[in-house]
């Protein structure tokens, strides 16, 4: 075999080696993608099945007893922001733990949460937490939220639940809130 033929054989072998390494890398990447995709697809199937079960349960419950529309109360903040509160209703009796459910404009929160506090009749804060939005917070449209406050059961008389606009800037001109009167009992 002459030198030129030997060179061609070596070049073909090197090209085949490079090609096999590229193919092996592609196969490895495909296997990694499949390995990551399988758990996602399994969990998505479980979520889909649970959603179907929930829908079926709601359908069955609706056949047995119609679900009444929730009572809602509209509030407007001092800055003119409109929100809907489903629970607690104004002047209702609350006890610990109390769930808070409603809708606020998404941009009233920061990173999908905003502060809530419970004050007694003298304005003393007896509990505070954050409400969490259950949707896109980067919108001016109403977004559902929920929260739960745990407080001392020794509270008596009246108080108020205060929903505050999240104000990460700390600037007074960005502050806003809504107060809901409640009774302890």
C-alpha atoms as a PDB file:
ATOM      1  CA  UNK A   1       0.000   0.000   0.000  1.00  0.00           C
ATOM      2  CA  UNK A   2       1.455   3.307  -0.976  1.00  0.00           C
ATOM      3  CA  UNK A   3       1.659   6.300   1.288  1.00  0.00           C
ATOM      4  CA  UNK A   4      -1.333   8.044  -0.301  1.00  0.00           C
ATOM      5  CA  UNK A   5      -3.591   5.025   0.186  1.00  0.00           C
ATOM      6  CA  UNK A   6      -2.487   4.641   3.793  1.00  0.00           C
ATOM      7  CA  UNK A   7      -3.231   8.322   4.398  1.00  0.00           C
ATOM      8  CA  UNK A   8      -6.736   7.930   2.897  1.00  0.00           C
ATOM      9  CA  UNK A   9      -7.430   4.884   5.087  1.00  0.00           C
ATOM     10  CA  UNK A  10      -6.343   6.827   8.207  1.00  0.00           C
ATOM     11  CA  UNK A  11      -8.437   9.857   7.205  1.00  0.00           C
ATOM     12  CA  UNK A  12     -11.504   7.661   6.612  1.00  0.00           C
ATOM     13  CA  UNK A  13     -10.965   5.966   9.983  1.00  0.00           C
ATOM     14  CA  UNK A  14     -10.620   9.382  11.722  1.00  0.00           C
ATOM     15  CA  UNK A  15     -13.743  10.710   9.952  1.00  0.00           C
ATOM     16  CA  UNK A  16     -15.646   7.568  11.005  1.00  0.00           C
ATOM     17  CA  UNK A  17     -14.415   8.015  14.571  1.00  0.00           C
ATOM     18  CA  UNK A  18     -15.550  11.651  14.644  1.00  0.00           C
ATOM     19  CA  UNK A  19     -18.897  10.724  13.117  1.00  0.00           C
ATOM     20  CA  UNK A  20     -19.428   7.947  15.656  1.00  0.00           C
ATOM     21  CA  UNK A  21     -18.590  10.348  18.502  1.00  0.00           C
ATOM     22  CA  UNK A  22     -21.105  12.878  17.165  1.00  0.00           C
ATOM     23  CA  UNK A  23     -23.779  10.193  16.814  1.00  0.00           C
ATOM     24  CA  UNK A  24     -23.014   8.897  20.305  1.00  0.00           C
ATOM     25  CA  UNK A  25     -23.349  12.452  21.692  1.00  0.00           C
ATOM     26  CA  UNK A  26     -26.684  12.926  19.912  1.00  0.00           C
ATOM     27  CA  UNK A  27     -27.977   9.612  21.271  1.00  0.00           C
ATOM     28  CA  UNK A  28     -26.831  10.617  24.774  1.00  0.00           C
ATOM     29  CA  UNK A  29     -28.650  13.976  24.554  1.00  0.00           C
ATOM     30  CA  UNK A  30     -31.817  12.287  23.247  1.00  0.00           C
ATOM     31  CA  UNK A  31     -31.697   9.794  26.139  1.00  0.00           C
ATOM     32  CA  UNK A  32     -31.298  12.650  28.645  1.00  0.00           C
ATOM     33  CA  UNK A  33     -34.292  14.462  27.155  1.00  0.00           C
ATOM     34  CA  UNK A  34     -36.376  11.300  27.297  1.00  0.00           C
ATOM     35  CA  UNK A  35     -35.278  10.643  30.894  1.00  0.00           C
ATOM     36  CA  UNK A  36     -36.387  14.154  31.884  1.00  0.00           C
ATOM     37  CA  UNK A  37     -39.607  14.022  29.874  1.00  0.00           C
ATOM     38  CA  UNK A  38     -40.950  10.727  31.233  1.00  0.00           C
ATOM     39  CA  UNK A  39     -41.446  11.920  34.873  1.00  0.00           C
ATOM     40  CA  UNK A  40     -43.080  15.114  33.597  1.00  0.00           C
ATOM     41  CA  UNK A  41     -45.492  13.177  31.394  1.00  0.00           C
ATOM     42  CA  UNK A  42     -46.319  10.770  34.236  1.00  0.00           C
ATOM     43  CA  UNK A  43     -47.071  13.685  36.609  1.00  0.00           C
ATOM     44  CA  UNK A  44     -49.065  15.503  33.938  1.00  0.00           C
ATOM     45  CA  UNK A  45     -51.179  12.392  33.408  1.00  0.00           C
ATOM     46  CA  UNK A  46     -51.831  12.212  37.169  1.00  0.00           C
ATOM     47  CA  UNK A  47     -52.842  15.885  37.207  1.00  0.00           C
ATOM     48  CA  UNK A  48     -55.143  15.351  34.231  1.00  0.00           C
ATOM     49  CA  UNK A  49     -56.739  12.348  35.960  1.00  0.00           C
ATOM     50  CA  UNK A  50     -57.265  14.346  39.162  1.00  0.00           C
ATOM     51  CA  UNK A  51     -58.845  17.202  37.200  1.00  0.00           C
ATOM     52  CA  UNK A  52     -61.222  14.719  35.566  1.00  0.00           C
ATOM     53  CA  UNK A  53     -62.110  13.287  38.998  1.00  0.00           C
ATOM     54  CA  UNK A  54     -62.770  16.780  40.367  1.00  0.00           C
ATOM     55  CA  UNK A  55     -64.979  17.633  37.398  1.00  0.00           C
ATOM     56  CA  UNK A  56     -66.902  14.363  37.821  1.00  0.00           C
ATOM     57  CA  UNK A  57     -67.371  15.021  41.553  1.00  0.00           C
ATOM     58  CA  UNK A  58     -68.619  18.546  40.881  1.00  0.00           C
ATOM     59  CA  UNK A  59     -71.064  17.186  38.308  1.00  0.00           C
ATOM     60  CA  UNK A  60     -72.361  14.549  40.727  1.00  0.00           C
ATOM     61  CA  UNK A  61     -72.681  17.074  43.562  1.00  0.00           C
ATOM     62  CA  UNK A  62     -74.529  19.515  41.323  1.00  0.00           C
ATOM     63  CA  UNK A  63     -77.053  16.782  40.495  1.00  0.00           C
ATOM     64  CA  UNK A  64     -77.729  16.119  44.191  1.00  0.00           C
ATOM     65  CA  UNK A  65     -77.808  19.677  45.489  1.00  0.00           C
ATOM     66  CA  UNK A  66     -77.186  22.784  43.442  1.00  0.00           C
ATOM     67  CA  UNK A  67     -74.232  24.758  44.727  1.00  0.00           C
ATOM     68  CA  UNK A  68     -75.302  28.296  45.599  1.00  0.00           C
ATOM     69  CA  UNK A  69     -73.330  31.161  44.186  1.00  0.00           C
ATOM     70  CA  UNK A  70     -70.913  32.488  46.796  1.00  0.00           C
ATOM     71  CA  UNK A  71     -71.837  35.724  48.475  1.00  0.00           C
ATOM     72  CA  UNK A  72     -69.419  38.439  47.524  1.00  0.00           C
ATOM     73  CA  UNK A  73     -68.830  41.959  48.697  1.00  0.00           C
ATOM     74  CA  UNK A  74     -67.263  44.691  46.636  1.00  0.00           C
ATOM     75  CA  UNK A  75     -64.760  47.032  48.254  1.00  0.00           C
ATOM     76  CA  UNK A  76     -63.001  50.101  46.912  1.00  0.00           C
ATOM     77  CA  UNK A  77     -59.703  51.251  48.374  1.00  0.00           C
ATOM     78  CA  UNK A  78     -58.915  54.930  49.036  1.00  0.00           C
ATOM     79  CA  UNK A  79     -57.006  54.926  45.726  1.00  0.00           C
ATOM     80  CA  UNK A  80     -60.056  53.639  43.835  1.00  0.00           C
ATOM     81  CA  UNK A  81     -58.952  50.014  43.474  1.00  0.00           C
ATOM     82  CA  UNK A  82     -61.937  47.643  43.286  1.00  0.00           C
ATOM     83  CA  UNK A  83     -61.800  44.189  44.841  1.00  0.00           C
ATOM     84  CA  UNK A  84     -64.173  41.383  45.718  1.00  0.00           C
ATOM     85  CA  UNK A  85     -64.173  39.589  49.053  1.00  0.00           C
ATOM     86  CA  UNK A  86     -66.019  36.284  49.447  1.00  0.00           C
ATOM     87  CA  UNK A  87     -65.011  35.506  53.005  1.00  0.00           C
ATOM     88  CA  UNK A  88     -65.142  36.775  55.641  1.00  0.00           C
ATOM     89  CA  UNK A  89     -68.222  38.840  55.022  1.00  0.00           C
ATOM     90  CA  UNK A  90     -68.382  42.272  56.671  1.00  0.00           C
ATOM     91  CA  UNK A  91     -69.302  42.129  60.372  1.00  0.00           C
ATOM     92  CA  UNK A  92     -69.256  38.321  60.408  1.00  0.00           C
ATOM     93  CA  UNK A  93     -68.005  36.397  63.430  1.00  0.00           C
ATOM     94  CA  UNK A  94     -64.494  35.071  62.904  1.00  0.00           C
ATOM     95  CA  UNK A  95     -62.448  32.666  64.944  1.00  0.00           C
ATOM     96  CA  UNK A  96     -59.011  31.213  64.552  1.00  0.00           C
ATOM     97  CA  UNK A  97     -58.054  30.037  62.032  1.00  0.00           C
ATOM     98  CA  UNK A  98     -59.928  32.263  59.604  1.00  0.00           C
ATOM     99  CA  UNK A  99     -59.681  31.803  55.859  1.00  0.00           C
ATOM    100  CA  UNK A 100     -59.702  34.865  53.632  1.00  0.00           C
ATOM    101  CA  UNK A 101     -60.851  34.458  50.027  1.00  0.00           C
ATOM    102  CA  UNK A 102     -61.365  37.070  47.338  1.00  0.00           C
ATOM    103  CA  UNK A 103     -60.076  38.734  44.202  1.00  0.00           C
ATOM    104  CA  UNK A 104     -57.750  41.717  43.852  1.00  0.00           C
ATOM    105  CA  UNK A 105     -56.042  43.212  40.809  1.00  0.00           C
ATOM    106  CA  UNK A 106     -52.877  41.203  40.216  1.00  0.00           C
ATOM    107  CA  UNK A 107     -50.711  44.316  40.301  1.00  0.00           C
ATOM    108  CA  UNK A 108     -51.894  45.029  43.862  1.00  0.00           C
ATOM    109  CA  UNK A 109     -49.453  42.323  44.887  1.00  0.00           C
ATOM    110  CA  UNK A 110     -45.735  41.884  44.483  1.00  0.00           C
ATOM    111  CA  UNK A 111     -44.516  38.486  43.295  1.00  0.00           C
ATOM    112  CA  UNK A 112     -48.048  37.117  43.808  1.00  0.00           C
ATOM    113  CA  UNK A 113     -48.543  38.067  47.461  1.00  0.00           C
ATOM    114  CA  UNK A 114     -49.675  40.972  49.602  1.00  0.00           C
ATOM    115  CA  UNK A 115     -49.888  41.560  53.378  1.00  0.00           C
ATOM    116  CA  UNK A 116     -52.998  40.953  55.456  1.00  0.00           C
ATOM    117  CA  UNK A 117     -53.371  41.839  59.100  1.00  0.00           C
ATOM    118  CA  UNK A 118     -56.079  41.434  61.719  1.00  0.00           C
ATOM    119  CA  UNK A 119     -56.547  44.232  64.238  1.00  0.00           C
ATOM    120  CA  UNK A 120     -58.610  44.264  67.389  1.00  0.00           C
ATOM    121  CA  UNK A 121     -61.008  47.104  68.254  1.00  0.00           C
ATOM    122  CA  UNK A 122     -58.161  49.294  69.556  1.00  0.00           C
ATOM    123  CA  UNK A 123     -56.089  48.912  66.384  1.00  0.00           C
ATOM    124  CA  UNK A 124     -53.585  46.457  67.895  1.00  0.00           C
ATOM    125  CA  UNK A 125     -52.337  43.910  65.348  1.00  0.00           C
ATOM    126  CA  UNK A 126     -53.230  40.443  66.616  1.00  0.00           C
ATOM    127  CA  UNK A 127     -52.217  38.472  63.526  1.00  0.00           C
ATOM    128  CA  UNK A 128     -50.595  39.056  60.159  1.00  0.00           C
ATOM    129  CA  UNK A 129     -49.622  37.017  57.148  1.00  0.00           C
ATOM    130  CA  UNK A 130     -49.464  37.223  53.359  1.00  0.00           C
ATOM    131  CA  UNK A 131     -52.250  36.406  50.933  1.00  0.00           C
ATOM    132  CA  UNK A 132     -51.198  34.452  47.873  1.00  0.00           C
ATOM    133  CA  UNK A 133     -52.582  35.057  44.414  1.00  0.00           C
ATOM    134  CA  UNK A 134     -53.801  32.002  42.568  1.00  0.00           C
ATOM    135  CA  UNK A 135     -52.978  33.272  39.102  1.00  0.00           C
ATOM    136  CA  UNK A 136     -51.010  35.809  37.079  1.00  0.00           C
ATOM    137  CA  UNK A 137     -49.993  38.677  39.342  1.00  0.00           C
ATOM    138  CA  UNK A 138     -48.593  40.770  36.490  1.00  0.00           C
ATOM    139  CA  UNK A 139     -51.988  42.085  35.416  1.00  0.00           C
ATOM    140  CA  UNK A 140     -54.437  44.782  36.429  1.00  0.00           C
ATOM    141  CA  UNK A 141     -57.282  42.260  36.078  1.00  0.00           C
ATOM    142  CA  UNK A 142     -58.863  40.602  39.148  1.00  0.00           C
ATOM    143  CA  UNK A 143     -56.983  37.535  40.343  1.00  0.00           C
ATOM    144  CA  UNK A 144     -58.268  35.128  43.031  1.00  0.00           C
ATOM    145  CA  UNK A 145     -56.346  34.974  46.299  1.00  0.00           C
ATOM    146  CA  UNK A 146     -56.508  33.051  49.531  1.00  0.00           C
ATOM    147  CA  UNK A 147     -54.933  33.232  52.941  1.00  0.00           C
ATOM    148  CA  UNK A 148     -55.351  31.978  56.469  1.00  0.00           C
ATOM    149  CA  UNK A 149     -54.833  33.873  59.721  1.00  0.00           C
ATOM    150  CA  UNK A 150     -54.236  32.168  63.050  1.00  0.00           C
ATOM    151  CA  UNK A 151     -54.771  34.292  66.122  1.00  0.00           C
ATOM    152  CA  UNK A 152     -55.450  34.115  69.848  1.00  0.00           C
ATOM    153  CA  UNK A 153     -58.950  32.887  70.551  1.00  0.00           C
ATOM    154  CA  UNK A 154     -59.155  35.234  73.552  1.00  0.00           C
ATOM    155  CA  UNK A 155     -59.904  38.168  71.228  1.00  0.00           C
ATOM    156  CA  UNK A 156     -63.387  39.571  71.883  1.00  0.00           C
ATOM    157  CA  UNK A 157     -65.503  42.382  70.490  1.00  0.00           C
ATOM    158  CA  UNK A 158     -64.939  43.960  67.103  1.00  0.00           C
ATOM    159  CA  UNK A 159     -61.929  44.346  64.892  1.00  0.00           C
ATOM    160  CA  UNK A 160     -60.966  44.671  61.274  1.00  0.00           C
ATOM    161  CA  UNK A 161     -59.244  42.683  58.638  1.00  0.00           C
ATOM    162  CA  UNK A 162     -56.858  44.894  56.654  1.00  0.00           C
ATOM    163  CA  UNK A 163     -55.754  43.946  53.161  1.00  0.00           C
ATOM    164  CA  UNK A 164     -52.739  46.030  52.162  1.00  0.00           C
ATOM    165  CA  UNK A 165     -51.307  46.655  48.728  1.00  0.00           C
ATOM    166  CA  UNK A 166     -47.797  45.260  48.679  1.00  0.00           C
ATOM    167  CA  UNK A 167     -45.462  48.222  48.545  1.00  0.00           C
ATOM    168  CA  UNK A 168     -41.856  47.037  48.125  1.00  0.00           C
ATOM    169  CA  UNK A 169     -40.736  50.620  47.419  1.00  0.00           C
ATOM    170  CA  UNK A 170     -41.871  51.776  50.871  1.00  0.00           C
ATOM    171  CA  UNK A 171     -43.016  55.059  49.343  1.00  0.00           C
ATOM    172  CA  UNK A 172     -46.122  56.480  51.054  1.00  0.00           C
ATOM    173  CA  UNK A 173     -47.716  57.415  47.730  1.00  0.00           C
ATOM    174  CA  UNK A 174     -47.778  53.710  46.793  1.00  0.00           C
ATOM    175  CA  UNK A 175     -49.647  52.605  49.930  1.00  0.00           C
ATOM    176  CA  UNK A 176     -53.262  51.460  49.713  1.00  0.00           C
ATOM    177  CA  UNK A 177     -55.525  49.198  51.761  1.00  0.00           C
ATOM    178  CA  UNK A 178     -59.050  47.977  52.379  1.00  0.00           C
ATOM    179  CA  UNK A 179     -60.560  47.270  55.804  1.00  0.00           C
ATOM    180  CA  UNK A 180     -63.283  44.734  56.486  1.00  0.00           C
ATOM    181  CA  UNK A 181     -65.052  44.991  59.842  1.00  0.00           C
ATOM    182  CA  UNK A 182     -65.282  41.689  61.755  1.00  0.00           C
ATOM    183  CA  UNK A 183     -66.531  40.420  65.106  1.00  0.00           C
ATOM    184  CA  UNK A 184     -64.609  38.012  67.264  1.00  0.00           C
ATOM    185  CA  UNK A 185     -66.502  35.128  68.723  1.00  0.00           C
END
